[in-house]
Amino acid sequence: MKFKIDKKKKEILKSYLRSVAAATVTTLLALVADVKPELSVLAGAVVAPLLRYFDKADKSFGINSK
């Protein structure tokens, strides 16, 4: 079974998943790793931009931008 997703919906989904990744990192660092809340929030804030930077398909920002 294949799903066809247009470009706009794909970008929305990727943005949502980056936000989920940032929230997950923040939560795991704060609760599981017992890191200070300030540091876990800082690390979580860095995750989403880094994921977008290293996304080779993103032409507007990051590695393949002009």
PDB file of N, CA and C in Angstrom:
ATOM      1  N   MET A   1       0.845  -1.177   0.000  1.00  0.00           N
ATOM      2  CA  MET A   1       0.000   0.000   0.000  1.00  0.00           C
ATOM      3  C   MET A   1       0.891   1.240   0.000  1.00  0.00           C
ATOM      4  N   LYS A   2       0.679   2.112  -0.959  1.00  0.00           N
ATOM      5  CA  LYS A   2       1.469   3.333  -1.077  1.00  0.00           C
ATOM      6  C   LYS A   2       0.584   4.549  -0.853  1.00  0.00           C
ATOM      7  N   PHE A   3       1.172   5.526  -0.190  1.00  0.00           N
ATOM      8  CA  PHE A   3       0.496   6.796   0.004  1.00  0.00           C
ATOM      9  C   PHE A   3       1.189   7.836  -0.841  1.00  0.00           C
ATOM     10  N   LYS A   4       0.402   8.635  -1.531  1.00  0.00           N
ATOM     11  CA  LYS A   4       0.971   9.736  -2.293  1.00  0.00           C
ATOM     12  C   LYS A   4       0.766  11.011  -1.494  1.00  0.00           C
ATOM     13  N   ILE A   5       1.865  11.659  -1.184  1.00  0.00           N
ATOM     14  CA  ILE A   5       1.830  12.887  -0.404  1.00  0.00           C
ATOM     15  C   ILE A   5       2.398  13.999  -1.271  1.00  0.00           C
ATOM     16  N   ASP A   6       1.656  15.086  -1.404  1.00  0.00           N
ATOM     17  CA  ASP A   6       2.180  16.198  -2.188  1.00  0.00           C
ATOM     18  C   ASP A   6       3.284  16.914  -1.403  1.00  0.00           C
ATOM     19  N   LYS A   7       3.988  17.789  -2.089  1.00  0.00           N
ATOM     20  CA  LYS A   7       5.176  18.428  -1.514  1.00  0.00           C
ATOM     21  C   LYS A   7       4.852  19.242  -0.261  1.00  0.00           C
ATOM     22  N   LYS A   8       3.748  19.974  -0.279  1.00  0.00           N
ATOM     23  CA  LYS A   8       3.392  20.817   0.861  1.00  0.00           C
ATOM     24  C   LYS A   8       3.114  19.968   2.104  1.00  0.00           C
ATOM     25  N   LYS A   9       2.367  18.889   1.943  1.00  0.00           N
ATOM     26  CA  LYS A   9       2.064  18.021   3.087  1.00  0.00           C
ATOM     27  C   LYS A   9       3.314  17.309   3.591  1.00  0.00           C
ATOM     28  N   LYS A  10       4.206  16.991   2.675  1.00  0.00           N
ATOM     29  CA  LYS A  10       5.465  16.354   3.076  1.00  0.00           C
ATOM     30  C   LYS A  10       6.304  17.315   3.926  1.00  0.00           C
ATOM     31  N   GLU A  11       6.360  18.575   3.541  1.00  0.00           N
ATOM     32  CA  GLU A  11       7.096  19.574   4.315  1.00  0.00           C
ATOM     33  C   GLU A  11       6.464  19.781   5.693  1.00  0.00           C
ATOM     34  N   ILE A  12       5.150  19.784   5.750  1.00  0.00           N
ATOM     35  CA  ILE A  12       4.452  19.912   7.034  1.00  0.00           C
ATOM     36  C   ILE A  12       4.777  18.736   7.933  1.00  0.00           C
ATOM     37  N   LEU A  13       4.764  17.539   7.383  1.00  0.00           N
ATOM     38  CA  LEU A  13       5.073  16.341   8.155  1.00  0.00           C
ATOM     39  C   LEU A  13       6.513  16.355   8.658  1.00  0.00           C
ATOM     40  N   LYS A  14       7.440  16.769   7.813  1.00  0.00           N
ATOM     41  CA  LYS A  14       8.840  16.846   8.228  1.00  0.00           C
ATOM     42  C   LYS A  14       9.031  17.867   9.342  1.00  0.00           C
ATOM     43  N   SER A  15       8.354  18.997   9.254  1.00  0.00           N
ATOM     44  CA  SER A  15       8.431  20.011  10.296  1.00  0.00           C
ATOM     45  C   SER A  15       7.881  19.483  11.618  1.00  0.00           C
ATOM     46  N   TYR A  16       6.764  18.786  11.543  1.00  0.00           N
ATOM     47  CA  TYR A  16       6.165  18.197  12.734  1.00  0.00           C
ATOM     48  C   TYR A  16       7.110  17.176  13.372  1.00  0.00           C
ATOM     49  N   LEU A  17       7.712  16.337  12.556  1.00  0.00           N
ATOM     50  CA  LEU A  17       8.622  15.319  13.089  1.00  0.00           C
ATOM     51  C   LEU A  17       9.875  15.936  13.707  1.00  0.00           C
ATOM     52  N   ARG A  18      10.344  17.046  13.152  1.00  0.00           N
ATOM     53  CA  ARG A  18      11.477  17.746  13.780  1.00  0.00           C
ATOM     54  C   ARG A  18      11.080  18.282  15.151  1.00  0.00           C
ATOM     55  N   SER A  19       9.872  18.789  15.270  1.00  0.00           N
ATOM     56  CA  SER A  19       9.390  19.279  16.565  1.00  0.00           C
ATOM     57  C   SER A  19       9.259  18.147  17.574  1.00  0.00           C
ATOM     58  N   VAL A  20       8.767  17.014  17.110  1.00  0.00           N
ATOM     59  CA  VAL A  20       8.656  15.846  17.993  1.00  0.00           C
ATOM     60  C   VAL A  20      10.040  15.396  18.454  1.00  0.00           C
ATOM     61  N   ALA A  21      11.012  15.398  17.556  1.00  0.00           N
ATOM     62  CA  ALA A  21      12.373  15.005  17.922  1.00  0.00           C
ATOM     63  C   ALA A  21      12.953  15.949  18.972  1.00  0.00           C
ATOM     64  N   ALA A  22      12.731  17.245  18.800  1.00  0.00           N
ATOM     65  CA  ALA A  22      13.240  18.212  19.776  1.00  0.00           C
ATOM     66  C   ALA A  22      12.580  18.018  21.137  1.00  0.00           C
ATOM     67  N   ALA A  23      11.279  17.797  21.149  1.00  0.00           N
ATOM     68  CA  ALA A  23      10.575  17.574  22.414  1.00  0.00           C
ATOM     69  C   ALA A  23      11.023  16.275  23.076  1.00  0.00           C
ATOM     70  N   THR A  24      11.274  15.253  22.268  1.00  0.00           N
ATOM     71  CA  THR A  24      11.730  13.978  22.808  1.00  0.00           C
ATOM     72  C   THR A  24      13.107  14.097  23.443  1.00  0.00           C
ATOM     73  N   VAL A  25      14.012  14.780  22.776  1.00  0.00           N
ATOM     74  CA  VAL A  25      15.352  14.978  23.335  1.00  0.00           C
ATOM     75  C   VAL A  25      15.270  15.749  24.645  1.00  0.00           C
ATOM     76  N   THR A  26      14.479  16.799  24.667  1.00  0.00           N
ATOM     77  CA  THR A  26      14.331  17.599  25.883  1.00  0.00           C
ATOM     78  C   THR A  26      13.782  16.766  27.034  1.00  0.00           C
ATOM     79  N   THR A  27      12.743  15.999  26.759  1.00  0.00           N
ATOM     80  CA  THR A  27      12.120  15.176  27.798  1.00  0.00           C
ATOM     81  C   THR A  27      13.067  14.092  28.297  1.00  0.00           C
ATOM     82  N   LEU A  28      13.731  13.414  27.388  1.00  0.00           N
ATOM     83  CA  LEU A  28      14.644  12.347  27.792  1.00  0.00           C
ATOM     84  C   LEU A  28      15.812  12.870  28.613  1.00  0.00           C
ATOM     85  N   LEU A  29      16.359  13.996  28.207  1.00  0.00           N
ATOM     86  CA  LEU A  29      17.469  14.559  28.976  1.00  0.00           C
ATOM     87  C   LEU A  29      17.028  14.995  30.364  1.00  0.00           C
ATOM     88  N   ALA A  30      15.847  15.575  30.451  1.00  0.00           N
ATOM     89  CA  ALA A  30      15.370  16.078  31.740  1.00  0.00           C
ATOM     90  C   ALA A  30      14.970  14.946  32.682  1.00  0.00           C
ATOM     91  N   LEU A  31      14.320  13.918  32.150  1.00  0.00           N
ATOM     92  CA  LEU A  31      13.780  12.872  33.011  1.00  0.00           C
ATOM     93  C   LEU A  31      14.694  11.668  33.170  1.00  0.00           C
ATOM     94  N   VAL A  32      15.215  11.169  32.078  1.00  0.00           N
ATOM     95  CA  VAL A  32      15.992   9.933  32.130  1.00  0.00           C
ATOM     96  C   VAL A  32      17.452  10.194  32.484  1.00  0.00           C
ATOM     97  N   ALA A  33      18.057  11.164  31.827  1.00  0.00           N
ATOM     98  CA  ALA A  33      19.481  11.421  32.044  1.00  0.00           C
ATOM     99  C   ALA A  33      19.731  12.307  33.262  1.00  0.00           C
ATOM    100  N   ASP A  34      18.677  12.826  33.850  1.00  0.00           N
ATOM    101  CA  ASP A  34      18.776  13.670  35.036  1.00  0.00           C
ATOM    102  C   ASP A  34      19.706  14.873  34.825  1.00  0.00           C
ATOM    103  N   VAL A  35      19.553  15.491  33.653  1.00  0.00           N
ATOM    104  CA  VAL A  35      20.304  16.696  33.327  1.00  0.00           C
ATOM    105  C   VAL A  35      19.508  17.882  33.850  1.00  0.00           C
ATOM    106  N   LYS A  36      20.190  18.963  34.187  1.00  0.00           N
ATOM    107  CA  LYS A  36      19.495  20.172  34.641  1.00  0.00           C
ATOM    108  C   LYS A  36      18.479  20.602  33.577  1.00  0.00           C
ATOM    109  N   PRO A  37      17.313  21.044  34.001  1.00  0.00           N
ATOM    110  CA  PRO A  37      16.273  21.438  33.030  1.00  0.00           C
ATOM    111  C   PRO A  37      16.730  22.508  32.040  1.00  0.00           C
ATOM    112  N   GLU A  38      17.551  23.433  32.508  1.00  0.00           N
ATOM    113  CA  GLU A  38      18.018  24.497  31.614  1.00  0.00           C
ATOM    114  C   GLU A  38      18.852  23.923  30.468  1.00  0.00           C
ATOM    115  N   LEU A  39      19.696  22.953  30.787  1.00  0.00           N
ATOM    116  CA  LEU A  39      20.544  22.356  29.762  1.00  0.00           C
ATOM    117  C   LEU A  39      19.748  21.458  28.821  1.00  0.00           C
ATOM    118  N   SER A  40      18.752  20.777  29.345  1.00  0.00           N
ATOM    119  CA  SER A  40      17.949  19.919  28.472  1.00  0.00           C
ATOM    120  C   SER A  40      17.114  20.750  27.505  1.00  0.00           C
ATOM    121  N   VAL A  41      16.606  21.883  27.952  1.00  0.00           N
ATOM    122  CA  VAL A  41      15.853  22.777  27.060  1.00  0.00           C
ATOM    123  C   VAL A  41      16.780  23.344  25.991  1.00  0.00           C
ATOM    124  N   LEU A  42      17.977  23.707  26.377  1.00  0.00           N
ATOM    125  CA  LEU A  42      18.948  24.229  25.415  1.00  0.00           C
ATOM    126  C   LEU A  42      19.299  23.170  24.367  1.00  0.00           C
ATOM    127  N   ALA A  43      19.533  21.946  24.801  1.00  0.00           N
ATOM    128  CA  ALA A  43      19.845  20.865  23.855  1.00  0.00           C
ATOM    129  C   ALA A  43      18.657  20.578  22.944  1.00  0.00           C
ATOM    130  N   GLY A  44      17.450  20.598  23.501  1.00  0.00           N
ATOM    131  CA  GLY A  44      16.259  20.372  22.692  1.00  0.00           C
ATOM    132  C   GLY A  44      16.040  21.465  21.660  1.00  0.00           C
ATOM    133  N   ALA A  45      16.408  22.681  22.012  1.00  0.00           N
ATOM    134  CA  ALA A  45      16.243  23.808  21.083  1.00  0.00           C
ATOM    135  C   ALA A  45      17.207  23.719  19.904  1.00  0.00           C
ATOM    136  N   VAL A  46      18.294  23.014  20.067  1.00  0.00           N
ATOM    137  CA  VAL A  46      19.289  22.891  19.013  1.00  0.00           C
ATOM    138  C   VAL A  46      18.950  21.756  18.047  1.00  0.00           C
ATOM    139  N   VAL A  47      18.168  20.782  18.493  1.00  0.00           N
ATOM    140  CA  VAL A  47      17.906  19.583  17.695  1.00  0.00           C
ATOM    141  C   VAL A  47      17.168  19.895  16.392  1.00  0.00           C
ATOM    142  N   ALA A  48      16.073  20.614  16.445  1.00  0.00           N
ATOM    143  CA  ALA A  48      15.269  20.865  15.241  1.00  0.00           C
ATOM    144  C   ALA A  48      16.043  21.625  14.158  1.00  0.00           C
ATOM    145  N   PRO A  49      16.745  22.712  14.495  1.00  0.00           N
ATOM    146  CA  PRO A  49      17.525  23.379  13.448  1.00  0.00           C
ATOM    147  C   PRO A  49      18.640  22.499  12.873  1.00  0.00           C
ATOM    148  N   LEU A  50      19.252  21.671  13.715  1.00  0.00           N
ATOM    149  CA  LEU A  50      20.292  20.775  13.206  1.00  0.00           C
ATOM    150  C   LEU A  50      19.717  19.730  12.256  1.00  0.00           C
ATOM    151  N   LEU A  51      18.559  19.195  12.593  1.00  0.00           N
ATOM    152  CA  LEU A  51      17.923  18.230  11.698  1.00  0.00           C
ATOM    153  C   LEU A  51      17.590  18.869  10.355  1.00  0.00           C
ATOM    154  N   ARG A  52      17.141  20.103  10.398  1.00  0.00           N
ATOM    155  CA  ARG A  52      16.822  20.780   9.141  1.00  0.00           C
ATOM    156  C   ARG A  52      18.097  21.114   8.373  1.00  0.00           C
ATOM    157  N   TYR A  53      19.147  21.483   9.068  1.00  0.00           N
ATOM    158  CA  TYR A  53      20.415  21.806   8.414  1.00  0.00           C
ATOM    159  C   TYR A  53      20.978  20.604   7.657  1.00  0.00           C
ATOM    160  N   PHE A  54      20.895  19.429   8.257  1.00  0.00           N
ATOM    161  CA  PHE A  54      21.466  18.240   7.647  1.00  0.00           C
ATOM    162  C   PHE A  54      20.511  17.508   6.699  1.00  0.00           C
ATOM    163  N   ASP A  55      19.332  18.051   6.475  1.00  0.00           N
ATOM    164  CA  ASP A  55      18.382  17.462   5.539  1.00  0.00           C
ATOM    165  C   ASP A  55      18.799  17.841   4.114  1.00  0.00           C
ATOM    166  N   LYS A  56      19.246  16.851   3.367  1.00  0.00           N
ATOM    167  CA  LYS A  56      19.735  17.118   2.012  1.00  0.00           C
ATOM    168  C   LYS A  56      18.626  17.535   1.058  1.00  0.00           C
ATOM    169  N   ALA A  57      17.388  17.203   1.366  1.00  0.00           N
ATOM    170  CA  ALA A  57      16.269  17.555   0.493  1.00  0.00           C
ATOM    171  C   ALA A  57      15.810  18.993   0.693  1.00  0.00           C
ATOM    172  N   ASP A  58      16.219  19.633   1.778  1.00  0.00           N
ATOM    173  CA  ASP A  58      15.794  21.005   2.076  1.00  0.00           C
ATOM    174  C   ASP A  58      16.721  21.986   1.358  1.00  0.00           C
ATOM    175  N   LYS A  59      16.212  22.610   0.320  1.00  0.00           N
ATOM    176  CA  LYS A  59      17.032  23.521  -0.492  1.00  0.00           C
ATOM    177  C   LYS A  59      17.079  24.944   0.062  1.00  0.00           C
ATOM    178  N   SER A  60      16.163  25.277   0.983  1.00  0.00           N
ATOM    179  CA  SER A  60      16.092  26.654   1.470  1.00  0.00           C
ATOM    180  C   SER A  60      16.974  26.905   2.680  1.00  0.00           C
ATOM    181  N   PHE A  61      17.469  25.844   3.317  1.00  0.00           N
ATOM    182  CA  PHE A  61      18.226  26.007   4.553  1.00  0.00           C
ATOM    183  C   PHE A  61      19.171  24.829   4.695  1.00  0.00           C
ATOM    184  N   GLY A  62      20.391  25.097   5.057  1.00  0.00           N
ATOM    185  CA  GLY A  62      21.293  23.995   5.382  1.00  0.00           C
ATOM    186  C   GLY A  62      22.341  23.689   4.335  1.00  0.00           C
ATOM    187  N   ILE A  63      22.692  22.414   4.259  1.00  0.00           N
ATOM    188  CA  ILE A  63      23.818  21.965   3.459  1.00  0.00           C
ATOM    189  C   ILE A  63      23.660  22.319   1.985  1.00  0.00           C
ATOM    190  N   ASN A  64      22.486  22.107   1.420  1.00  0.00           N
ATOM    191  CA  ASN A  64      22.279  22.317  -0.010  1.00  0.00           C
ATOM    192  C   ASN A  64      21.692  23.676  -0.352  1.00  0.00           C
ATOM    193  N   SER A  65      21.677  24.599   0.568  1.00  0.00           N
ATOM    194  CA  SER A  65      21.115  25.926   0.274  1.00  0.00           C
ATOM    195  C   SER A  65      22.115  26.740  -0.535  1.00  0.00           C
ATOM    196  N   LYS A  66      21.578  27.742  -1.203  1.00  0.00           N
ATOM    197  CA  LYS A  66      22.431  28.601  -2.039  1.00  0.00           C
ATOM    198  C   LYS A  66      22.635  29.939  -1.387  1.00  0.00           C
TER     199      LYS A  66
END
